[in-house]
Structure formats: structure tokens, C-alpha cells
C-alpha atoms as a PDB file:
ATOM      1  CA  MET A   1     -17.923  19.565  -7.084  1.00  0.00           C
ATOM      2  CA  GLN A   2     -15.074  17.190  -7.131  1.00  0.00           C
ATOM      3  CA  LEU A   3     -14.758  17.001  -3.238  1.00  0.00           C
ATOM      4  CA  PHE A   4     -18.574  16.565  -2.947  1.00  0.00           C
ATOM      5  CA  PHE A   5     -18.432  13.493  -5.252  1.00  0.00           C
ATOM      6  CA  PHE A   6     -15.578  12.064  -3.491  1.00  0.00           C
ATOM      7  CA  LEU A   7     -17.167  12.520  -0.126  1.00  0.00           C
ATOM      8  CA  ILE A   8     -20.421  10.677  -1.358  1.00  0.00           C
ATOM      9  CA  THR A   9     -18.688   7.952  -3.061  1.00  0.00           C
ATOM     10  CA  TYR A  10     -15.621   7.181  -0.720  1.00  0.00           C
ATOM     11  CA  PRO A  11     -17.528   5.459   1.984  1.00  0.00           C
ATOM     12  CA  ILE A  12     -19.215   3.134  -0.647  1.00  0.00           C
ATOM     13  CA  ILE A  13     -15.844   2.348  -2.158  1.00  0.00           C
ATOM     14  CA  ILE A  14     -14.143   1.575   1.074  1.00  0.00           C
ATOM     15  CA  ALA A  15     -16.977  -0.617   2.211  1.00  0.00           C
ATOM     16  CA  VAL A  16     -16.875  -2.649  -1.090  1.00  0.00           C
ATOM     17  CA  SER A  17     -13.057  -2.794  -0.886  1.00  0.00           C
ATOM     18  CA  LEU A  18     -13.081  -4.253   2.664  1.00  0.00           C
ATOM     19  CA  LEU A  19     -15.231  -7.207   1.563  1.00  0.00           C
ATOM     20  CA  PRO A  20     -13.492 -10.597   1.275  1.00  0.00           C
ATOM     21  CA  HIS A  21     -12.480 -11.777  -2.249  1.00  0.00           C
ATOM     22  CA  PHE A  22     -15.093 -14.592  -2.420  1.00  0.00           C
ATOM     23  CA  VAL A  23     -17.815 -11.914  -1.979  1.00  0.00           C
ATOM     24  CA  LEU A  24     -16.293  -9.474  -4.402  1.00  0.00           C
ATOM     25  CA  TYR A  25     -16.257 -12.164  -7.003  1.00  0.00           C
ATOM     26  CA  ARG A  26     -19.977 -12.699  -6.582  1.00  0.00           C
ATOM     27  CA  ILE A  27     -20.434  -9.026  -7.124  1.00  0.00           C
ATOM     28  CA  SER A  28     -18.140  -9.306 -10.328  1.00  0.00           C
ATOM     29  CA  ASP A  29     -20.574 -12.174 -11.497  1.00  0.00           C
ATOM     30  CA  LEU A  30     -23.559  -9.754 -11.215  1.00  0.00           C
ATOM     31  CA  LEU A  31     -21.640  -6.839 -12.727  1.00  0.00           C
ATOM     32  CA  TYR A  32     -20.878  -9.128 -15.760  1.00  0.00           C
ATOM     33  CA  VAL A  33     -24.614  -9.698 -16.308  1.00  0.00           C
ATOM     34  CA  ILE A  34     -25.298  -5.890 -16.089  1.00  0.00           C
ATOM     35  CA  LEU A  35     -22.380  -4.637 -18.176  1.00  0.00           C
ATOM     36  CA  TYR A  36     -22.362  -7.271 -20.874  1.00  0.00           C
ATOM     37  CA  LYS A  37     -25.915  -8.916 -20.898  1.00  0.00           C
ATOM     38  CA  LEU A  38     -27.912  -5.842 -20.099  1.00  0.00           C
ATOM     39  CA  ILE A  39     -25.982  -2.600 -21.112  1.00  0.00           C
ATOM     40  CA  GLY A  40     -23.689  -4.131 -23.736  1.00  0.00           C
ATOM     41  CA  TYR A  41     -20.792  -1.926 -22.562  1.00  0.00           C
ATOM     42  CA  ARG A  42     -18.589  -1.120 -25.650  1.00  0.00           C
ATOM     43  CA  THR A  43     -19.598  -4.349 -27.346  1.00  0.00           C
ATOM     44  CA  LYS A  44     -19.328  -2.824 -30.689  1.00  0.00           C
ATOM     45  CA  VAL A  45     -15.707  -1.719 -30.069  1.00  0.00           C
ATOM     46  CA  VAL A  46     -14.830  -5.182 -28.679  1.00  0.00           C
ATOM     47  CA  ARG A  47     -16.362  -7.015 -31.539  1.00  0.00           C
ATOM     48  CA  LYS A  48     -14.521  -4.772 -34.164  1.00  0.00           C
ATOM     49  CA  ASN A  49     -11.165  -5.197 -32.474  1.00  0.00           C
ATOM     50  CA  LEU A  50     -11.764  -9.087 -32.268  1.00  0.00           C
ATOM     51  CA  ASN A  51     -12.760  -9.256 -35.996  1.00  0.00           C
ATOM     52  CA  LEU A  52      -9.929  -7.268 -37.122  1.00  0.00           C
ATOM     53  CA  SER A  53      -7.396  -9.150 -34.926  1.00  0.00           C
ATOM     54  CA  PHE A  54      -8.532 -12.786 -35.598  1.00  0.00           C
ATOM     55  CA  PRO A  55     -10.027 -12.804 -39.228  1.00  0.00           C
ATOM     56  CA  GLU A  56      -9.364 -16.614 -39.234  1.00  0.00           C
ATOM     57  CA  LYS A  57     -11.737 -17.315 -36.310  1.00  0.00           C
ATOM     58  CA  SER A  58     -15.298 -18.012 -36.759  1.00  0.00           C
ATOM     59  CA  GLN A  59     -18.054 -15.857 -35.117  1.00  0.00           C
ATOM     60  CA  GLU A  60     -18.653 -18.545 -32.698  1.00  0.00           C
ATOM     61  CA  GLU A  61     -15.090 -18.786 -31.610  1.00  0.00           C
ATOM     62  CA  LEU A  62     -14.949 -14.962 -31.193  1.00  0.00           C
ATOM     63  CA  LYS A  63     -18.117 -14.960 -29.143  1.00  0.00           C
ATOM     64  CA  VAL A  64     -16.359 -17.410 -26.711  1.00  0.00           C
ATOM     65  CA  ILE A  65     -13.419 -15.015 -26.520  1.00  0.00           C
ATOM     66  CA  GLU A  66     -15.772 -12.047 -26.017  1.00  0.00           C
ATOM     67  CA  ARG A  67     -17.866 -13.640 -23.168  1.00  0.00           C
ATOM     68  CA  ALA A  68     -14.570 -14.673 -21.355  1.00  0.00           C
ATOM     69  CA  PHE A  69     -13.046 -11.214 -21.771  1.00  0.00           C
ATOM     70  CA  TYR A  70     -16.112  -9.456 -20.279  1.00  0.00           C
ATOM     71  CA  ARG A  71     -15.927 -11.839 -17.212  1.00  0.00           C
ATOM     72  CA  HIS A  72     -12.193 -10.984 -16.843  1.00  0.00           C
ATOM     73  CA  LEU A  73     -12.961  -7.230 -17.191  1.00  0.00           C
ATOM     74  CA  CYS A  74     -15.507  -7.295 -14.425  1.00  0.00           C
ATOM     75  CA  ASP A  75     -12.996  -9.127 -12.212  1.00  0.00           C
ATOM     76  CA  ILE A  76     -10.189  -6.562 -12.897  1.00  0.00           C
ATOM     77  CA  PHE A  77     -12.674  -3.736 -11.987  1.00  0.00           C
ATOM     78  CA  ILE A  78     -13.356  -5.516  -8.652  1.00  0.00           C
ATOM     79  CA  GLU A  79      -9.637  -6.157  -8.019  1.00  0.00           C
ATOM     80  CA  MET A  80      -8.904  -2.355  -8.600  1.00  0.00           C
ATOM     81  CA  LEU A  81     -11.329  -1.532  -5.872  1.00  0.00           C
ATOM     82  CA  LYS A  82      -9.879  -4.177  -3.560  1.00  0.00           C
ATOM     83  CA  ALA A  83      -6.416  -2.716  -4.129  1.00  0.00           C
ATOM     84  CA  ILE A  84      -7.251   0.282  -2.094  1.00  0.00           C
ATOM     85  CA  THR A  85      -7.415  -1.712   1.141  1.00  0.00           C
ATOM     86  CA  VAL A  86      -5.534  -5.004   0.252  1.00  0.00           C
ATOM     87  CA  THR A  87      -2.974  -6.160   2.672  1.00  0.00           C
ATOM     88  CA  LYS A  88       0.635  -7.078   2.249  1.00  0.00           C
ATOM     89  CA  LYS A  89      -0.229 -10.811   3.125  1.00  0.00           C
ATOM     90  CA  GLN A  90      -3.019 -10.844   0.473  1.00  0.00           C
ATOM     91  CA  VAL A  91      -0.960  -9.464  -2.418  1.00  0.00           C
ATOM     92  CA  LEU A  92       2.102 -11.679  -1.600  1.00  0.00           C
ATOM     93  CA  LYS A  93      -0.348 -14.767  -1.716  1.00  0.00           C
ATOM     94  CA  ARG A  94      -2.169 -13.774  -4.885  1.00  0.00           C
ATOM     95  CA  TYR A  95       0.671 -12.329  -7.108  1.00  0.00           C
ATOM     96  CA  GLN A  96       3.629 -14.616  -7.807  1.00  0.00           C
ATOM     97  CA  PHE A  97       6.859 -13.238  -9.489  1.00  0.00           C
ATOM     98  CA  ASN A  98       9.306 -15.273 -11.544  1.00  0.00           C
ATOM     99  CA  ASN A  99      12.866 -14.344 -12.654  1.00  0.00           C
ATOM    100  CA  LEU A 100      12.949 -11.178 -10.550  1.00  0.00           C
ATOM    101  CA  GLU A 101      16.757 -11.663 -10.585  1.00  0.00           C
ATOM    102  CA  VAL A 102      16.704 -10.208 -14.125  1.00  0.00           C
ATOM    103  CA  ILE A 103      15.688  -6.918 -12.546  1.00  0.00           C
ATOM    104  CA  ASN A 104      17.580  -7.109  -9.290  1.00  0.00           C
ATOM    105  CA  GLN A 105      20.913  -7.645 -10.914  1.00  0.00           C
ATOM    106  CA  TYR A 106      20.865  -4.228 -12.244  1.00  0.00           C
ATOM    107  CA  LEU A 107      19.240  -2.724  -9.214  1.00  0.00           C
ATOM    108  CA  ARG A 108      22.008  -3.923  -6.803  1.00  0.00           C
ATOM    109  CA  ASN A 109      24.518  -2.368  -9.208  1.00  0.00           C
ATOM    110  CA  ASN A 110      22.915   1.045  -8.870  1.00  0.00           C
ATOM    111  CA  ARG A 111      21.377   0.813 -12.351  1.00  0.00           C
ATOM    112  CA  GLY A 112      17.621   1.652 -12.901  1.00  0.00           C
ATOM    113  CA  VAL A 113      15.447  -0.417 -14.993  1.00  0.00           C
ATOM    114  CA  VAL A 114      12.298   0.158 -17.412  1.00  0.00           C
ATOM    115  CA  LEU A 115       9.693  -2.457 -17.045  1.00  0.00           C
ATOM    116  CA  VAL A 116       6.979  -2.615 -19.752  1.00  0.00           C
ATOM    117  CA  CYS A 117       3.840  -4.523 -20.232  1.00  0.00           C
ATOM    118  CA  GLY A 118       0.598  -4.333 -22.277  1.00  0.00           C
ATOM    119  CA  HIS A 119      -2.982  -3.770 -21.063  1.00  0.00           C
ATOM    120  CA  TYR A 120      -3.110  -7.336 -20.488  1.00  0.00           C
ATOM    121  CA  SER A 121      -4.357  -9.563 -17.589  1.00  0.00           C
ATOM    122  CA  SER A 122      -4.022  -7.439 -14.326  1.00  0.00           C
ATOM    123  CA  TRP A 123      -1.690  -4.351 -13.782  1.00  0.00           C
ATOM    124  CA  GLU A 124      -2.772  -4.634 -10.081  1.00  0.00           C
ATOM    125  CA  ALA A 125      -0.616  -7.682 -10.104  1.00  0.00           C
ATOM    126  CA  MET A 126       2.343  -5.278 -10.029  1.00  0.00           C
ATOM    127  CA  LEU A 127       1.165  -4.203  -6.467  1.00  0.00           C
ATOM    128  CA  SER A 128       3.636  -6.517  -4.696  1.00  0.00           C
ATOM    129  CA  ILE A 129       6.684  -6.107  -6.766  1.00  0.00           C
ATOM    130  CA  GLY A 130       8.050  -3.548  -4.397  1.00  0.00           C
ATOM    131  CA  TYR A 131       8.375  -6.102  -1.746  1.00  0.00           C
ATOM    132  CA  HIS A 132      10.760  -8.106  -3.829  1.00  0.00           C
ATOM    133  CA  LEU A 133      12.912  -5.444  -5.393  1.00  0.00           C
ATOM    134  CA  GLU A 134      16.513  -4.337  -4.277  1.00  0.00           C
ATOM    135  CA  GLY A 135      15.497  -0.841  -5.277  1.00  0.00           C
ATOM    136  CA  LYS A 136      12.387   1.215  -5.440  1.00  0.00           C
ATOM    137  CA  GLY A 137       9.209   0.872  -7.411  1.00  0.00           C
ATOM    138  CA  TYR A 138       7.841   3.663  -9.792  1.00  0.00           C
ATOM    139  CA  ALA A 139       4.666   3.266 -11.783  1.00  0.00           C
ATOM    140  CA  VAL A 140       4.020   5.736 -14.513  1.00  0.00           C
ATOM    141  CA  TYR A 141       0.268   6.782 -14.675  1.00  0.00           C
ATOM    142  CA  ALA A 142      -2.113   9.275 -16.328  1.00  0.00           C
ATOM    143  CA  PRO A 143      -3.277  11.883 -13.857  1.00  0.00           C
ATOM    144  CA  LEU A 144      -7.028  11.616 -12.819  1.00  0.00           C
ATOM    145  CA  SER A 145      -9.480  14.421 -13.280  1.00  0.00           C
ATOM    146  CA  ASN A 146     -10.452  14.245  -9.730  1.00  0.00           C
ATOM    147  CA  LYS A 147      -7.617  15.080  -7.392  1.00  0.00           C
ATOM    148  CA  TYR A 148      -9.225  13.494  -4.308  1.00  0.00           C
ATOM    149  CA  PHE A 149      -9.439  10.122  -6.025  1.00  0.00           C
ATOM    150  CA  GLU A 150      -5.961  10.525  -7.504  1.00  0.00           C
ATOM    151  CA  ARG A 151      -4.573  11.058  -3.922  1.00  0.00           C
ATOM    152  CA  LEU A 152      -6.520   7.940  -2.713  1.00  0.00           C
ATOM    153  CA  ILE A 153      -4.948   5.840  -5.473  1.00  0.00           C
ATOM    154  CA  ILE A 154      -1.463   7.176  -4.856  1.00  0.00           C
ATOM    155  CA  LYS A 155      -1.733   6.606  -1.085  1.00  0.00           C
ATOM    156  CA  SER A 156      -2.975   3.028  -1.632  1.00  0.00           C
ATOM    157  CA  ARG A 157      -0.004   2.202  -3.855  1.00  0.00           C
ATOM    158  CA  ALA A 158       2.399   3.893  -1.522  1.00  0.00           C
ATOM    159  CA  LYS A 159       1.719   1.469   1.292  1.00  0.00           C
ATOM    160  CA  HIS A 160       3.057  -1.338  -0.985  1.00  0.00           C
ATOM    161  CA  ARG A 161       6.166   0.558  -1.753  1.00  0.00           C
ATOM    162  CA  ILE A 162       5.100   1.723  -5.213  1.00  0.00           C
ATOM    163  CA  HIS A 163       5.495   5.393  -5.952  1.00  0.00           C
ATOM    164  CA  LEU A 164       3.027   6.588  -8.755  1.00  0.00           C
ATOM    165  CA  GLY A 165       4.544   9.287 -10.955  1.00  0.00           C
ATOM    166  CA  SER A 166       2.705  11.330 -13.586  1.00  0.00           C
ATOM    167  CA  ARG A 167       3.598  10.565 -17.253  1.00  0.00           C
ATOM    168  CA  PHE A 168       4.302  14.259 -17.478  1.00  0.00           C
ATOM    169  CA  ASP A 169       7.021  14.039 -14.678  1.00  0.00           C
ATOM    170  CA  VAL A 170       8.645  10.867 -15.366  1.00  0.00           C
ATOM    171  CA  LEU A 171      11.699  12.179 -17.400  1.00  0.00           C
ATOM    172  CA  LYS A 172      12.605  14.812 -14.957  1.00  0.00           C
ATOM    173  CA  ASP A 173      12.069  12.341 -12.186  1.00  0.00           C
ATOM    174  CA  ILE A 174      14.579   9.825 -13.700  1.00  0.00           C
ATOM    175  CA  GLU A 175      16.975  12.567 -14.151  1.00  0.00           C
ATOM    176  CA  MET A 176      16.740  13.637 -10.527  1.00  0.00           C
ATOM    177  CA  HIS A 177      16.873   9.882  -9.384  1.00  0.00           C
ATOM    178  CA  GLN A 178      20.212   9.496 -11.294  1.00  0.00           C
ATOM    179  CA  LYS A 179      21.688  12.713 -10.035  1.00  0.00           C
ATOM    180  CA  ASN A 180      20.961  11.609  -6.426  1.00  0.00           C
ATOM    181  CA  ASN A 181      22.078   7.989  -7.001  1.00  0.00           C
ATOM    182  CA  ILE A 182      18.448   6.640  -6.226  1.00  0.00           C
ATOM    183  CA  THR A 183      17.728   3.379  -8.041  1.00  0.00           C
ATOM    184  CA  TYR A 184      14.130   2.700  -9.272  1.00  0.00           C
ATOM    185  CA  ILE A 185      12.335   0.439 -11.705  1.00  0.00           C
ATOM    186  CA  TYR A 186      10.019   2.351 -13.806  1.00  0.00           C
ATOM    187  CA  GLY A 187       6.886   0.506 -14.760  1.00  0.00           C
ATOM    188  CA  LEU A 188       4.503   1.455 -17.603  1.00  0.00           C
ATOM    189  CA  ALA A 189       2.020  -0.038 -19.925  1.00  0.00           C
ATOM    190  CA  ALA A 190       3.416   0.636 -23.455  1.00  0.00           C
ATOM    191  CA  ASP A 191       0.725  -0.267 -25.781  1.00  0.00           C
ATOM    192  CA  GLN A 192      -1.155   3.061 -25.914  1.00  0.00           C
ATOM    193  CA  SER A 193      -2.736   4.179 -29.233  1.00  0.00           C
ATOM    194  CA  PRO A 194      -1.056   7.539 -29.800  1.00  0.00           C
ATOM    195  CA  LYS A 195      -2.330  10.377 -31.984  1.00  0.00           C
ATOM    196  CA  PRO A 196      -0.700  10.059 -35.369  1.00  0.00           C
ATOM    197  CA  LYS A 197       1.872  12.748 -36.128  1.00  0.00           C
ATOM    198  CA  PRO A 198       4.100  13.341 -39.101  1.00  0.00           C
ATOM    199  CA  LYS A 199       6.989  11.398 -37.465  1.00  0.00           C
ATOM    200  CA  SER A 200       4.789   8.649 -35.814  1.00  0.00           C
ATOM    201  CA  TYR A 201       6.166   5.190 -35.955  1.00  0.00           C
ATOM    202  CA  TRP A 202       3.573   2.904 -37.813  1.00  0.00           C
ATOM    203  CA  ARG A 203       3.917  -0.897 -37.752  1.00  0.00           C
ATOM    204  CA  SER A 204       1.723  -4.035 -37.623  1.00  0.00           C
ATOM    205  CA  PHE A 205      -0.026  -4.806 -34.392  1.00  0.00           C
ATOM    206  CA  MET A 206      -2.333  -7.816 -34.450  1.00  0.00           C
ATOM    207  CA  GLY A 207      -2.109  -7.756 -38.274  1.00  0.00           C
ATOM    208  CA  ILE A 208      -3.220  -4.032 -38.387  1.00  0.00           C
ATOM    209  CA  GLU A 209      -0.948  -1.175 -39.391  1.00  0.00           C
ATOM    210  CA  VAL A 210      -1.142   1.419 -36.491  1.00  0.00           C
ATOM    211  CA  PRO A 211       0.925   4.102 -34.751  1.00  0.00           C
ATOM    212  CA  VAL A 212       2.697   2.786 -31.854  1.00  0.00           C
ATOM    213  CA  PHE A 213       4.003   4.289 -28.656  1.00  0.00           C
ATOM    214  CA  THR A 214       7.897   4.698 -28.577  1.00  0.00           C
ATOM    215  CA  GLY A 215       8.124   6.392 -25.244  1.00  0.00           C
ATOM    216  CA  ALA A 216       9.425   3.405 -23.325  1.00  0.00           C
ATOM    217  CA  GLU A 217      12.265   2.990 -25.968  1.00  0.00           C
ATOM    218  CA  ARG A 218      13.130   6.557 -25.866  1.00  0.00           C
ATOM    219  CA  MET A 219      13.199   6.703 -22.064  1.00  0.00           C
ATOM    220  CA  ALA A 220      15.570   3.497 -21.929  1.00  0.00           C
ATOM    221  CA  LYS A 221      17.909   5.022 -24.593  1.00  0.00           C
ATOM    222  CA  GLN A 222      17.914   8.529 -23.067  1.00  0.00           C
ATOM    223  CA  PHE A 223      19.028   7.301 -19.674  1.00  0.00           C
ATOM    224  CA  ASP A 224      20.744   4.076 -20.703  1.00  0.00           C
ATOM    225  CA  LEU A 225      18.387   1.800 -18.737  1.00  0.00           C
ATOM    226  CA  PRO A 226      17.934  -1.769 -19.237  1.00  0.00           C
ATOM    227  CA  ILE A 227      14.243  -2.660 -20.402  1.00  0.00           C
ATOM    228  CA  VAL A 228      12.371  -5.768 -19.413  1.00  0.00           C
ATOM    229  CA  PHE A 229       9.074  -7.215 -20.391  1.00  0.00           C
ATOM    230  CA  ALA A 230       6.517  -8.416 -17.637  1.00  0.00           C
ATOM    231  CA  ASP A 231       4.429 -11.350 -18.954  1.00  0.00           C
ATOM    232  CA  ILE A 232       1.428 -11.016 -16.632  1.00  0.00           C
ATOM    233  CA  LYS A 233      -1.073 -13.907 -16.730  1.00  0.00           C
ATOM    234  CA  ARG A 234      -3.955 -15.220 -14.551  1.00  0.00           C
ATOM    235  CA  SER A 235      -3.160 -18.562 -13.127  1.00  0.00           C
ATOM    236  CA  LYS A 236      -6.714 -18.980 -11.627  1.00  0.00           C
ATOM    237  CA  ARG A 237      -9.464 -16.395 -10.544  1.00  0.00           C
ATOM    238  CA  GLY A 238      -7.725 -13.746  -8.365  1.00  0.00           C
ATOM    239  CA  TYR A 239      -4.176 -15.182  -8.744  1.00  0.00           C
ATOM    240  CA  TYR A 240      -1.550 -14.002 -11.210  1.00  0.00           C
ATOM    241  CA  THR A 241       1.922 -14.939 -12.222  1.00  0.00           C
ATOM    242  CA  LEU A 242       4.503 -12.441 -13.583  1.00  0.00           C
ATOM    243  CA  ASP A 243       7.392 -13.805 -15.684  1.00  0.00           C
ATOM    244  CA  ILE A 244      10.169 -11.116 -16.205  1.00  0.00           C
ATOM    245  CA  SER A 245      12.226 -11.354 -19.406  1.00  0.00           C
ATOM    246  CA  LEU A 246      15.102  -8.933 -20.619  1.00  0.00           C
ATOM    247  CA  ILE A 247      14.642  -7.126 -23.818  1.00  0.00           C
ATOM    248  CA  THR A 248      18.028  -5.474 -23.737  1.00  0.00           C
ATOM    249  CA  ASP A 249      20.539  -4.031 -21.225  1.00  0.00           C
ATOM    250  CA  LYS A 250      22.392  -2.020 -24.000  1.00  0.00           C
ATOM    251  CA  PRO A 251      19.512   0.229 -25.367  1.00  0.00           C
ATOM    252  CA  LYS A 252      21.908   2.762 -26.928  1.00  0.00           C
ATOM    253  CA  GLU A 253      23.337  -0.096 -29.216  1.00  0.00           C
ATOM    254  CA  THR A 254      19.878  -0.939 -30.585  1.00  0.00           C
ATOM    255  CA  LYS A 255      18.509   0.173 -33.868  1.00  0.00           C
ATOM    256  CA  VAL A 256      15.778   2.887 -33.977  1.00  0.00           C
ATOM    257  CA  ASN A 257      12.479   1.278 -33.014  1.00  0.00           C
ATOM    258  CA  GLN A 258      14.089  -2.107 -32.292  1.00  0.00           C
ATOM    259  CA  ILE A 259      12.992  -2.136 -28.841  1.00  0.00           C
ATOM    260  CA  THR A 260       9.570  -1.039 -29.707  1.00  0.00           C
ATOM    261  CA  ASP A 261       9.448  -3.925 -32.234  1.00  0.00           C
ATOM    262  CA  ILE A 262      10.530  -6.548 -29.799  1.00  0.00           C
ATOM    263  CA  PHE A 263       7.986  -5.225 -27.225  1.00  0.00           C
ATOM    264  CA  THR A 264       5.028  -5.313 -29.690  1.00  0.00           C
ATOM    265  CA  GLU A 265       5.861  -8.725 -31.112  1.00  0.00           C
ATOM    266  CA  THR A 266       6.144 -10.186 -27.544  1.00  0.00           C
ATOM    267  CA  LEU A 267       2.896  -8.603 -26.547  1.00  0.00           C
ATOM    268  CA  GLU A 268       1.143  -9.830 -29.600  1.00  0.00           C
ATOM    269  CA  ALA A 269       2.448 -13.361 -28.999  1.00  0.00           C
ATOM    270  CA  GLN A 270       0.918 -13.085 -25.342  1.00  0.00           C
ATOM    271  CA  ILE A 271      -2.418 -11.917 -26.645  1.00  0.00           C
ATOM    272  CA  ARG A 272      -2.663 -14.745 -29.270  1.00  0.00           C
ATOM    273  CA  LYS A 273      -1.858 -17.203 -26.600  1.00  0.00           C
ATOM    274  CA  ASP A 274      -4.897 -16.250 -24.638  1.00  0.00           C
ATOM    275  CA  PRO A 275      -6.874 -13.333 -26.210  1.00  0.00           C
ATOM    276  CA  THR A 276      -9.394 -13.187 -23.285  1.00  0.00           C
ATOM    277  CA  GLN A 277      -7.050 -11.178 -21.104  1.00  0.00           C
ATOM    278  CA  TYR A 278      -6.291  -8.377 -23.229  1.00  0.00           C
ATOM    279  CA  PHE A 279      -8.371  -5.132 -22.896  1.00  0.00           C
ATOM    280  CA  TRP A 280     -10.487  -5.146 -25.944  1.00  0.00           C
ATOM    281  CA  THR A 281     -12.567  -2.296 -24.687  1.00  0.00           C
ATOM    282  CA  HIS A 282      -9.883   0.049 -25.743  1.00  0.00           C
ATOM    283  CA  ASN A 283     -10.184   1.416 -29.324  1.00  0.00           C
ATOM    284  CA  ARG A 284      -6.780   0.025 -30.392  1.00  0.00           C
ATOM    285  CA  PHE A 285      -7.277   0.478 -34.103  1.00  0.00           C
ATOM    286  CA  LYS A 286      -8.923   3.945 -34.132  1.00  0.00           C
ATOM    287  CA  HIS A 287      -6.196   5.395 -36.187  1.00  0.00           C
ATOM    288  CA  MET A 288      -5.759   2.651 -38.808  1.00  0.00           C
ATOM    289  CA  ASP A 289      -7.275   4.739 -41.702  1.00  0.00           C
ATOM    290  CA  LYS A 290      -4.870   7.548 -41.052  1.00  0.00           C
ATOM    291  CA  ASN A 291      -1.832   5.616 -42.115  1.00  0.00           C
ATOM    292  CA  PRO A 292       0.109   8.147 -44.361  1.00  0.00           C
ATOM    293  CA  LYS A 293       0.869   5.264 -46.672  1.00  0.00           C
ATOM    294  CA  LEU A 294      -2.766   4.509 -47.258  1.00  0.00           C
ATOM    295  CA  VAL A 295      -3.766   8.088 -47.431  1.00  0.00           C
ATOM    296  CA  SER A 296      -1.006   8.808 -50.303  1.00  0.00           C
ATOM    297  CA  GLN A 297      -2.154   5.755 -52.140  1.00  0.00           C
ATOM    298  CA  SER A 298      -5.736   6.891 -52.183  1.00  0.00           C
ATOM    299  CA  GLU A 299      -4.922  10.387 -53.530  1.00  0.00           C
END
């Protein structure tokens, strides 16, 4: 069944992906009307998230953010399709990196780097980073249920010098890379909403106490890797800039959860500066009522 679905949809995906950008953005405009105006895709989740995150804003202000977000969301979907066939020339033109020396200074000295970002702006903007590195690019991803589409995505990223590695394999891959003296930058989105566990780390994010993902910090500490933040932002439609800043190059000397705190605070500042580019369709605050402190107080 997976193969059948892939064979049916693959020609359509490729045909759309090969369209020029200006045509794709007209499709995005139409998609905005369908997803937002007609279907109301996840509008309840988006409105809940915006109201929780910005209690100081009026409903009119939140509505402006909501509309702009949905336009951005449709653009990102189209850009994900375009990424399958996009050329080196196109990605170098549309994605600009600043401060890459922050990363390359470690790579040229045979030291891998962890790069973290949030679900903000466009992760497809990371496509061209492999062309600028003095090492190899490794993007951590969640495996897809359809293995044929997964192979397509992996192949499309590999042509831009980015290796996709499953989140289930990344630790053993880093260990293997270090043993074989292979230098990588390991990129991942670190703002997931993990399922609460007894030892989960809870902290404020956008003013709400939630369990936060600490995997990037644990990875950096386990392998003594510098960790950097990628501030991705849209400069204009279809064009993005990425500013790289160092969180720490001495992870083992930091306090428990200090790296996670710095990342979360940096991401929150990024969101507050322009909330329209954050992915509000994700149910970020779904575990807020499971905070053990709140549960114990109610008993």
C-alpha cells in the first residue's frame, strides 16, 4: 500500500516541485484560502497557543498574527516540495548564512558541533549550509511512516551535502564519527514537547510551565561538543538569513539544564520579536496541566 501511494503521488510531487518559485507562491496563496479560510486547519490550536503566549495582546492583534502565520505556513509547505528538486544555485541565492566562522573554527580543528534551532521560520533554509562548512552536515529527523517518501527526502537532502540521520541513531552515529575522526555538525530542532516523565525538566516557555526537551544539551555534554543557535528569519518571501551564535564550547562545565535554559530563552526572544514565523499549529502546551507542582497543589 505504501508503494502504491508513493507511485501515485510521486509524479504530482515532482511536477509541482519543478515549477518556478513565482508560480509556487501563487499556489501558496490559493492554499492559504483553502487551509485557513475554508477548512480552518488547526485554528483552535493556533488560537489557544497565541492567547496563552500573548495575554497582553488584543484579539485584533492576535488575529493579525494568525493570518500572517497561515500565509507563512503555506509558503513553508510549498518550499518543502520545492526542496526536492531545488538546485545548488537556487539555495545559495535564497539562503544566506552569517557568522559561519563560529562553526568552522571548531570543524577545522576536528571538533564536531551541535546546532539547535526552533520550529521557527524555515528549516529548509538549512539546505545550503553544507556548501559552507569545513566539515559534514548531519540533520536529525523523525523517521517517516512511508519508507519510499523517506528515501526521497534523504536523497534530496544528500545532494546538498546534508546527511539525514534518525533520532534513534544519532548517538551511536556521533560515537562512530568520533572514533573514525569524521567531523560533523549535528543540526536539530530542540523545541519539541516531550511527554512528561517523573524526571522531566519543567520550565517557563512563552510564560507557560511546560516540560522541555533536553536532548541537545545531553548530546553536547556526552560528546563534549560546542553547541550553537541558528537564528533563522525570513528577509522577504522565499529568502532567509541565518545568524549563528555560540551557546557554549565548554558544555561539560555548564550547570544542569543551563544550555537548555539559554536555548529556550533565545528562542522565546526570537518568537516575541516576530511571532508570525513560529509554528503555532503544533500543540506546544498540551502538557501544561500535567505539571507535578500543579498536580500536588490540587490534591
